[in-house]
Amino acid sequence: MISTTIYLLISIGFYFIAIWWLYNHFDTVFNMQLKMHDEIIEKLLNLDNRVSLIENSDGIQIEIEQEKTQTSLDNFYGEE
């Protein structure tokens, strides 16, 4: 009778520890996935901000004008 009770208590203890470990493990994995998701969104937003800054700056306009000038000179000298 006593050995059966001890066996049941030990079994319940092991099940409790296993469930507790699984909960902590999957909670940690879930939080890591959320963190990675947030980091990806943050990088995309930073990239979008950079692209919008580049598009709104005059740097692209200057590069386009230089490219047109080079194309005109190439056409002048008969190069394609």
PDB file of N, CA and C in Angstrom:
ATOM      1  N   MET A   1       0.828  -1.198   0.000  1.00  0.00           N
ATOM      2  CA  MET A   1       0.000   0.000   0.000  1.00  0.00           C
ATOM      3  C   MET A   1       0.873   1.263   0.000  1.00  0.00           C
ATOM      4  N   ILE A   2       1.859   1.284   0.874  1.00  0.00           N
ATOM      5  CA  ILE A   2       2.733   2.465   0.965  1.00  0.00           C
ATOM      6  C   ILE A   2       3.595   2.567  -0.291  1.00  0.00           C
ATOM      7  N   SER A   3       4.084   1.445  -0.782  1.00  0.00           N
ATOM      8  CA  SER A   3       4.926   1.483  -1.982  1.00  0.00           C
ATOM      9  C   SER A   3       4.118   1.951  -3.198  1.00  0.00           C
ATOM     10  N   THR A   4       2.853   1.569  -3.276  1.00  0.00           N
ATOM     11  CA  THR A   4       1.998   2.029  -4.369  1.00  0.00           C
ATOM     12  C   THR A   4       1.778   3.528  -4.281  1.00  0.00           C
ATOM     13  N   THR A   5       1.562   4.036  -3.084  1.00  0.00           N
ATOM     14  CA  THR A   5       1.362   5.474  -2.893  1.00  0.00           C
ATOM     15  C   THR A   5       2.622   6.248  -3.279  1.00  0.00           C
ATOM     16  N   ILE A   6       3.767   5.742  -2.857  1.00  0.00           N
ATOM     17  CA  ILE A   6       5.030   6.402  -3.201  1.00  0.00           C
ATOM     18  C   ILE A   6       5.233   6.377  -4.717  1.00  0.00           C
ATOM     19  N   TYR A   7       4.954   5.249  -5.345  1.00  0.00           N
ATOM     20  CA  TYR A   7       5.076   5.129  -6.794  1.00  0.00           C
ATOM     21  C   TYR A   7       4.170   6.133  -7.501  1.00  0.00           C
ATOM     22  N   LEU A   8       2.923   6.253  -7.043  1.00  0.00           N
ATOM     23  CA  LEU A   8       1.989   7.209  -7.653  1.00  0.00           C
ATOM     24  C   LEU A   8       2.465   8.649  -7.477  1.00  0.00           C
ATOM     25  N   LEU A   9       2.963   8.984  -6.294  1.00  0.00           N
ATOM     26  CA  LEU A   9       3.457  10.349  -6.052  1.00  0.00           C
ATOM     27  C   LEU A   9       4.669  10.662  -6.940  1.00  0.00           C
ATOM     28  N   ILE A  10       5.576   9.691  -7.063  1.00  0.00           N
ATOM     29  CA  ILE A  10       6.746   9.906  -7.921  1.00  0.00           C
ATOM     30  C   ILE A  10       6.313  10.041  -9.379  1.00  0.00           C
ATOM     31  N   SER A  11       5.376   9.219  -9.815  1.00  0.00           N
ATOM     32  CA  SER A  11       4.891   9.298 -11.195  1.00  0.00           C
ATOM     33  C   SER A  11       4.228  10.639 -11.466  1.00  0.00           C
ATOM     34  N   ILE A  12       3.382  11.082 -10.544  1.00  0.00           N
ATOM     35  CA  ILE A  12       2.718  12.384 -10.703  1.00  0.00           C
ATOM     36  C   ILE A  12       3.761  13.498 -10.731  1.00  0.00           C
ATOM     37  N   GLY A  13       4.804  13.384  -9.894  1.00  0.00           N
ATOM     38  CA  GLY A  13       5.876  14.380  -9.879  1.00  0.00           C
ATOM     39  C   GLY A  13       6.600  14.448 -11.217  1.00  0.00           C
ATOM     40  N   PHE A  14       6.912  13.277 -11.785  1.00  0.00           N
ATOM     41  CA  PHE A  14       7.586  13.260 -13.086  1.00  0.00           C
ATOM     42  C   PHE A  14       6.696  13.842 -14.180  1.00  0.00           C
ATOM     43  N   TYR A  15       5.425  13.517 -14.158  1.00  0.00           N
ATOM     44  CA  TYR A  15       4.507  14.091 -15.150  1.00  0.00           C
ATOM     45  C   TYR A  15       4.428  15.611 -14.999  1.00  0.00           C
ATOM     46  N   PHE A  16       4.388  16.072 -13.752  1.00  0.00           N
ATOM     47  CA  PHE A  16       4.342  17.515 -13.515  1.00  0.00           C
ATOM     48  C   PHE A  16       5.603  18.189 -14.056  1.00  0.00           C
ATOM     49  N   ILE A  17       6.764  17.588 -13.787  1.00  0.00           N
ATOM     50  CA  ILE A  17       8.028  18.156 -14.271  1.00  0.00           C
ATOM     51  C   ILE A  17       8.068  18.152 -15.798  1.00  0.00           C
ATOM     52  N   ALA A  18       7.600  17.060 -16.417  1.00  0.00           N
ATOM     53  CA  ALA A  18       7.603  16.977 -17.882  1.00  0.00           C
ATOM     54  C   ALA A  18       6.684  18.034 -18.493  1.00  0.00           C
ATOM     55  N   ILE A  19       5.501  18.199 -17.940  1.00  0.00           N
ATOM     56  CA  ILE A  19       4.560  19.207 -18.458  1.00  0.00           C
ATOM     57  C   ILE A  19       5.123  20.605 -18.254  1.00  0.00           C
ATOM     58  N   TRP A  20       5.722  20.859 -17.080  1.00  0.00           N
ATOM     59  CA  TRP A  20       6.309  22.172 -16.793  1.00  0.00           C
ATOM     60  C   TRP A  20       7.445  22.465 -17.773  1.00  0.00           C
ATOM     61  N   TRP A  21       8.313  21.458 -18.056  1.00  0.00           N
ATOM     62  CA  TRP A  21       9.424  21.655 -18.982  1.00  0.00           C
ATOM     63  C   TRP A  21       8.907  21.925 -20.393  1.00  0.00           C
ATOM     64  N   LEU A  22       7.917  21.149 -20.828  1.00  0.00           N
ATOM     65  CA  LEU A  22       7.366  21.360 -22.166  1.00  0.00           C
ATOM     66  C   LEU A  22       6.752  22.748 -22.301  1.00  0.00           C
ATOM     67  N   TYR A  23       6.035  23.187 -21.268  1.00  0.00           N
ATOM     68  CA  TYR A  23       5.430  24.520 -21.314  1.00  0.00           C
ATOM     69  C   TYR A  23       6.514  25.586 -21.438  1.00  0.00           C
ATOM     70  N   ASN A  24       7.552  25.499 -20.617  1.00  0.00           N
ATOM     71  CA  ASN A  24       8.628  26.496 -20.674  1.00  0.00           C
ATOM     72  C   ASN A  24       9.370  26.437 -22.002  1.00  0.00           C
ATOM     73  N   HIS A  25       9.588  25.227 -22.509  1.00  0.00           N
ATOM     74  CA  HIS A  25      10.310  25.082 -23.775  1.00  0.00           C
ATOM     75  C   HIS A  25       9.530  25.728 -24.916  1.00  0.00           C
ATOM     76  N   PHE A  26       8.254  25.392 -25.042  1.00  0.00           N
ATOM     77  CA  PHE A  26       7.480  25.936 -26.157  1.00  0.00           C
ATOM     78  C   PHE A  26       7.182  27.418 -25.971  1.00  0.00           C
ATOM     79  N   ASP A  27       7.079  27.872 -24.738  1.00  0.00           N
ATOM     80  CA  ASP A  27       6.897  29.300 -24.486  1.00  0.00           C
ATOM     81  C   ASP A  27       8.139  30.060 -24.936  1.00  0.00           C
ATOM     82  N   THR A  28       9.321  29.496 -24.644  1.00  0.00           N
ATOM     83  CA  THR A  28      10.571  30.127 -25.065  1.00  0.00           C
ATOM     84  C   THR A  28      10.680  30.150 -26.589  1.00  0.00           C
ATOM     85  N   VAL A  29      10.358  29.031 -27.224  1.00  0.00           N
ATOM     86  CA  VAL A  29      10.425  28.964 -28.687  1.00  0.00           C
ATOM     87  C   VAL A  29       9.450  29.958 -29.304  1.00  0.00           C
ATOM     88  N   PHE A  30       8.248  30.038 -28.755  1.00  0.00           N
ATOM     89  CA  PHE A  30       7.242  30.965 -29.272  1.00  0.00           C
ATOM     90  C   PHE A  30       7.713  32.409 -29.125  1.00  0.00           C
ATOM     91  N   ASN A  31       8.293  32.744 -27.974  1.00  0.00           N
ATOM     92  CA  ASN A  31       8.799  34.104 -27.767  1.00  0.00           C
ATOM     93  C   ASN A  31       9.959  34.416 -28.706  1.00  0.00           C
ATOM     94  N   MET A  32      10.811  33.423 -28.978  1.00  0.00           N
ATOM     95  CA  MET A  32      11.910  33.643 -29.915  1.00  0.00           C
ATOM     96  C   MET A  32      11.375  33.902 -31.317  1.00  0.00           C
ATOM     97  N   GLN A  33      10.338  33.170 -31.713  1.00  0.00           N
ATOM     98  CA  GLN A  33       9.759  33.391 -33.035  1.00  0.00           C
ATOM     99  C   GLN A  33       9.125  34.774 -33.123  1.00  0.00           C
ATOM    100  N   LEU A  34       8.458  35.200 -32.053  1.00  0.00           N
ATOM    101  CA  LEU A  34       7.881  36.547 -32.053  1.00  0.00           C
ATOM    102  C   LEU A  34       8.971  37.603 -32.146  1.00  0.00           C
ATOM    103  N   LYS A  35      10.082  37.382 -31.433  1.00  0.00           N
ATOM    104  CA  LYS A  35      11.185  38.336 -31.473  1.00  0.00           C
ATOM    105  C   LYS A  35      11.776  38.408 -32.881  1.00  0.00           C
ATOM    106  N   MET A  36      11.974  37.245 -33.526  1.00  0.00           N
ATOM    107  CA  MET A  36      12.494  37.245 -34.893  1.00  0.00           C
ATOM    108  C   MET A  36      11.514  37.939 -35.831  1.00  0.00           C
ATOM    109  N   HIS A  37      10.227  37.702 -35.632  1.00  0.00           N
ATOM    110  CA  HIS A  37       9.204  38.344 -36.464  1.00  0.00           C
ATOM    111  C   HIS A  37       9.282  39.859 -36.310  1.00  0.00           C
ATOM    112  N   ASP A  38       9.415  40.335 -35.065  1.00  0.00           N
ATOM    113  CA  ASP A  38       9.524  41.774 -34.819  1.00  0.00           C
ATOM    114  C   ASP A  38      10.789  42.347 -35.447  1.00  0.00           C
ATOM    115  N   GLU A  39      11.903  41.591 -35.373  1.00  0.00           N
ATOM    116  CA  GLU A  39      13.145  42.074 -35.971  1.00  0.00           C
ATOM    117  C   GLU A  39      13.027  42.166 -37.490  1.00  0.00           C
ATOM    118  N   ILE A  40      12.361  41.200 -38.102  1.00  0.00           N
ATOM    119  CA  ILE A  40      12.180  41.231 -39.557  1.00  0.00           C
ATOM    120  C   ILE A  40      11.329  42.426 -39.957  1.00  0.00           C
ATOM    121  N   ILE A  41      10.250  42.674 -39.215  1.00  0.00           N
ATOM    122  CA  ILE A  41       9.393  43.828 -39.520  1.00  0.00           C
ATOM    123  C   ILE A  41      10.175  45.122 -39.344  1.00  0.00           C
ATOM    124  N   GLU A  42      10.999  45.199 -38.288  1.00  0.00           N
ATOM    125  CA  GLU A  42      11.793  46.407 -38.057  1.00  0.00           C
ATOM    126  C   GLU A  42      12.790  46.628 -39.197  1.00  0.00           C
ATOM    127  N   LYS A  43      13.426  45.555 -39.681  1.00  0.00           N
ATOM    128  CA  LYS A  43      14.369  45.697 -40.793  1.00  0.00           C
ATOM    129  C   LYS A  43      13.651  46.128 -42.066  1.00  0.00           C
ATOM    130  N   LEU A  44      12.462  45.580 -42.301  1.00  0.00           N
ATOM    131  CA  LEU A  44      11.701  45.986 -43.486  1.00  0.00           C
ATOM    132  C   LEU A  44      11.306  47.455 -43.410  1.00  0.00           C
ATOM    133  N   LEU A  45      10.907  47.908 -42.225  1.00  0.00           N
ATOM    134  CA  LEU A  45      10.545  49.319 -42.073  1.00  0.00           C
ATOM    135  C   LEU A  45      11.756  50.215 -42.280  1.00  0.00           C
ATOM    136  N   ASN A  46      12.913  49.807 -41.742  1.00  0.00           N
ATOM    137  CA  ASN A  46      14.131  50.588 -41.955  1.00  0.00           C
ATOM    138  C   ASN A  46      14.492  50.638 -43.435  1.00  0.00           C
ATOM    139  N   LEU A  47      14.345  49.505 -44.114  1.00  0.00           N
ATOM    140  CA  LEU A  47      14.628  49.467 -45.546  1.00  0.00           C
ATOM    141  C   LEU A  47      13.662  50.356 -46.318  1.00  0.00           C
ATOM    142  N   ASP A  48      12.390  50.317 -45.940  1.00  0.00           N
ATOM    143  CA  ASP A  48      11.395  51.165 -46.596  1.00  0.00           C
ATOM    144  C   ASP A  48      11.709  52.639 -46.365  1.00  0.00           C
ATOM    145  N   ASN A  49      12.130  52.982 -45.147  1.00  0.00           N
ATOM    146  CA  ASN A  49      12.507  54.374 -44.859  1.00  0.00           C
ATOM    147  C   ASN A  49      13.712  54.794 -45.693  1.00  0.00           C
ATOM    148  N   ARG A  50      14.694  53.905 -45.828  1.00  0.00           N
ATOM    149  CA  ARG A  50      15.873  54.237 -46.632  1.00  0.00           C
ATOM    150  C   ARG A  50      15.495  54.462 -48.093  1.00  0.00           C
ATOM    151  N   VAL A  51      14.654  53.572 -48.612  1.00  0.00           N
ATOM    152  CA  VAL A  51      14.247  53.702 -50.014  1.00  0.00           C
ATOM    153  C   VAL A  51      13.489  55.000 -50.229  1.00  0.00           C
ATOM    154  N   SER A  52      12.593  55.332 -49.305  1.00  0.00           N
ATOM    155  CA  SER A  52      11.833  56.575 -49.465  1.00  0.00           C
ATOM    156  C   SER A  52      12.742  57.792 -49.348  1.00  0.00           C
ATOM    157  N   LEU A  53      13.747  57.738 -48.465  1.00  0.00           N
ATOM    158  CA  LEU A  53      14.689  58.853 -48.363  1.00  0.00           C
ATOM    159  C   LEU A  53      15.509  58.992 -49.641  1.00  0.00           C
ATOM    160  N   ILE A  54      15.926  57.866 -50.197  1.00  0.00           N
ATOM    161  CA  ILE A  54      16.706  57.924 -51.437  1.00  0.00           C
ATOM    162  C   ILE A  54      15.850  58.458 -52.577  1.00  0.00           C
ATOM    163  N   GLU A  55      14.596  58.007 -52.645  1.00  0.00           N
ATOM    164  CA  GLU A  55      13.715  58.465 -53.723  1.00  0.00           C
ATOM    165  C   GLU A  55      13.402  59.950 -53.591  1.00  0.00           C
ATOM    166  N   ASN A  56      13.310  60.441 -52.370  1.00  0.00           N
ATOM    167  CA  ASN A  56      12.960  61.844 -52.156  1.00  0.00           C
ATOM    168  C   ASN A  56      14.169  62.767 -52.208  1.00  0.00           C
ATOM    169  N   SER A  57      15.369  62.199 -52.189  1.00  0.00           N
ATOM    170  CA  SER A  57      16.554  63.061 -52.222  1.00  0.00           C
ATOM    171  C   SER A  57      16.903  63.395 -53.667  1.00  0.00           C
ATOM    172  N   ASP A  58      17.782  64.373 -53.812  1.00  0.00           N
ATOM    173  CA  ASP A  58      18.202  64.787 -55.147  1.00  0.00           C
ATOM    174  C   ASP A  58      19.342  63.928 -55.672  1.00  0.00           C
ATOM    175  N   GLY A  59      19.848  63.013 -54.858  1.00  0.00           N
ATOM    176  CA  GLY A  59      20.961  62.165 -55.280  1.00  0.00           C
ATOM    177  C   GLY A  59      20.624  61.351 -56.508  1.00  0.00           C
ATOM    178  N   ILE A  60      19.436  60.826 -56.571  1.00  0.00           N
ATOM    179  CA  ILE A  60      19.036  60.024 -57.728  1.00  0.00           C
ATOM    180  C   ILE A  60      18.898  60.911 -58.956  1.00  0.00           C
ATOM    181  N   GLN A  61      18.375  62.095 -58.774  1.00  0.00           N
ATOM    182  CA  GLN A  61      18.206  63.017 -59.894  1.00  0.00           C
ATOM    183  C   GLN A  61      19.566  63.365 -60.497  1.00  0.00           C
ATOM    184  N   ILE A  62      20.558  63.594 -59.643  1.00  0.00           N
ATOM    185  CA  ILE A  62      21.903  63.924 -60.133  1.00  0.00           C
ATOM    186  C   ILE A  62      22.484  62.734 -60.890  1.00  0.00           C
ATOM    187  N   GLU A  63      22.308  61.519 -60.345  1.00  0.00           N
ATOM    188  CA  GLU A  63      22.833  60.336 -61.024  1.00  0.00           C
ATOM    189  C   GLU A  63      22.156  60.141 -62.373  1.00  0.00           C
ATOM    190  N   ILE A  64      20.867  60.385 -62.455  1.00  0.00           N
ATOM    191  CA  ILE A  64      20.146  60.241 -63.720  1.00  0.00           C
ATOM    192  C   ILE A  64      20.652  61.266 -64.731  1.00  0.00           C
ATOM    193  N   GLU A  65      20.876  62.506 -64.287  1.00  0.00           N
ATOM    194  CA  GLU A  65      21.377  63.536 -65.197  1.00  0.00           C
ATOM    195  C   GLU A  65      22.779  63.191 -65.688  1.00  0.00           C
ATOM    196  N   GLN A  66      23.636  62.666 -64.809  1.00  0.00           N
ATOM    197  CA  GLN A  66      24.981  62.268 -65.229  1.00  0.00           C
ATOM    198  C   GLN A  66      24.912  61.127 -66.235  1.00  0.00           C
ATOM    199  N   GLU A  67      23.980  60.215 -66.008  1.00  0.00           N
ATOM    200  CA  GLU A  67      23.830  59.099 -66.941  1.00  0.00           C
ATOM    201  C   GLU A  67      23.354  59.599 -68.300  1.00  0.00           C
ATOM    202  N   LYS A  68      22.440  60.564 -68.313  1.00  0.00           N
ATOM    203  CA  LYS A  68      21.970  61.128 -69.583  1.00  0.00           C
ATOM    204  C   LYS A  68      23.108  61.848 -70.295  1.00  0.00           C
ATOM    205  N   THR A  69      23.938  62.565 -69.546  1.00  0.00           N
ATOM    206  CA  THR A  69      25.072  63.267 -70.141  1.00  0.00           C
ATOM    207  C   THR A  69      26.040  62.266 -70.754  1.00  0.00           C
ATOM    208  N   GLN A  70      26.328  61.193 -70.039  1.00  0.00           N
ATOM    209  CA  GLN A  70      27.242  60.176 -70.558  1.00  0.00           C
ATOM    210  C   GLN A  70      26.662  59.533 -71.808  1.00  0.00           C
ATOM    211  N   THR A  71      25.365  59.266 -71.802  1.00  0.00           N
ATOM    212  CA  THR A  71      24.722  58.686 -72.984  1.00  0.00           C
ATOM    213  C   THR A  71      24.820  59.641 -74.163  1.00  0.00           C
ATOM    214  N   SER A  72      24.629  60.936 -73.921  1.00  0.00           N
ATOM    215  CA  SER A  72      24.728  61.918 -75.000  1.00  0.00           C
ATOM    216  C   SER A  72      26.141  61.960 -75.564  1.00  0.00           C
ATOM    217  N   LEU A  73      27.151  61.920 -74.707  1.00  0.00           N
ATOM    218  CA  LEU A  73      28.531  61.929 -75.184  1.00  0.00           C
ATOM    219  C   LEU A  73      28.845  60.664 -75.965  1.00  0.00           C
ATOM    220  N   ASP A  74      28.324  59.523 -75.497  1.00  0.00           N
ATOM    221  CA  ASP A  74      28.544  58.280 -76.237  1.00  0.00           C
ATOM    222  C   ASP A  74      27.905  58.359 -77.613  1.00  0.00           C
ATOM    223  N   ASN A  75      26.722  58.927 -77.684  1.00  0.00           N
ATOM    224  CA  ASN A  75      26.056  59.076 -78.979  1.00  0.00           C
ATOM    225  C   ASN A  75      26.829  60.044 -79.869  1.00  0.00           C
ATOM    226  N   PHE A  76      27.421  61.084 -79.268  1.00  0.00           N
ATOM    227  CA  PHE A  76      28.177  62.069 -80.032  1.00  0.00           C
ATOM    228  C   PHE A  76      29.399  61.423 -80.681  1.00  0.00           C
ATOM    229  N   TYR A  77      30.052  60.525 -79.934  1.00  0.00           N
ATOM    230  CA  TYR A  77      31.242  59.874 -80.465  1.00  0.00           C
ATOM    231  C   TYR A  77      30.907  58.612 -81.252  1.00  0.00           C
ATOM    232  N   GLY A  78      29.643  58.316 -81.428  1.00  0.00           N
ATOM    233  CA  GLY A  78      29.231  57.183 -82.239  1.00  0.00           C
ATOM    234  C   GLY A  78      29.288  55.852 -81.519  1.00  0.00           C
ATOM    235  N   GLU A  79      29.347  55.877 -80.200  1.00  0.00           N
ATOM    236  CA  GLU A  79      29.376  54.631 -79.443  1.00  0.00           C
ATOM    237  C   GLU A  79      27.973  54.295 -78.984  1.00  0.00           C
ATOM    238  N   GLU A  80      27.747  52.996 -78.804  1.00  0.00           N
ATOM    239  CA  GLU A  80      26.423  52.587 -78.342  1.00  0.00           C
ATOM    240  C   GLU A  80      26.467  52.203 -76.896  1.00  0.00           C
TER     241      GLU A  80
END
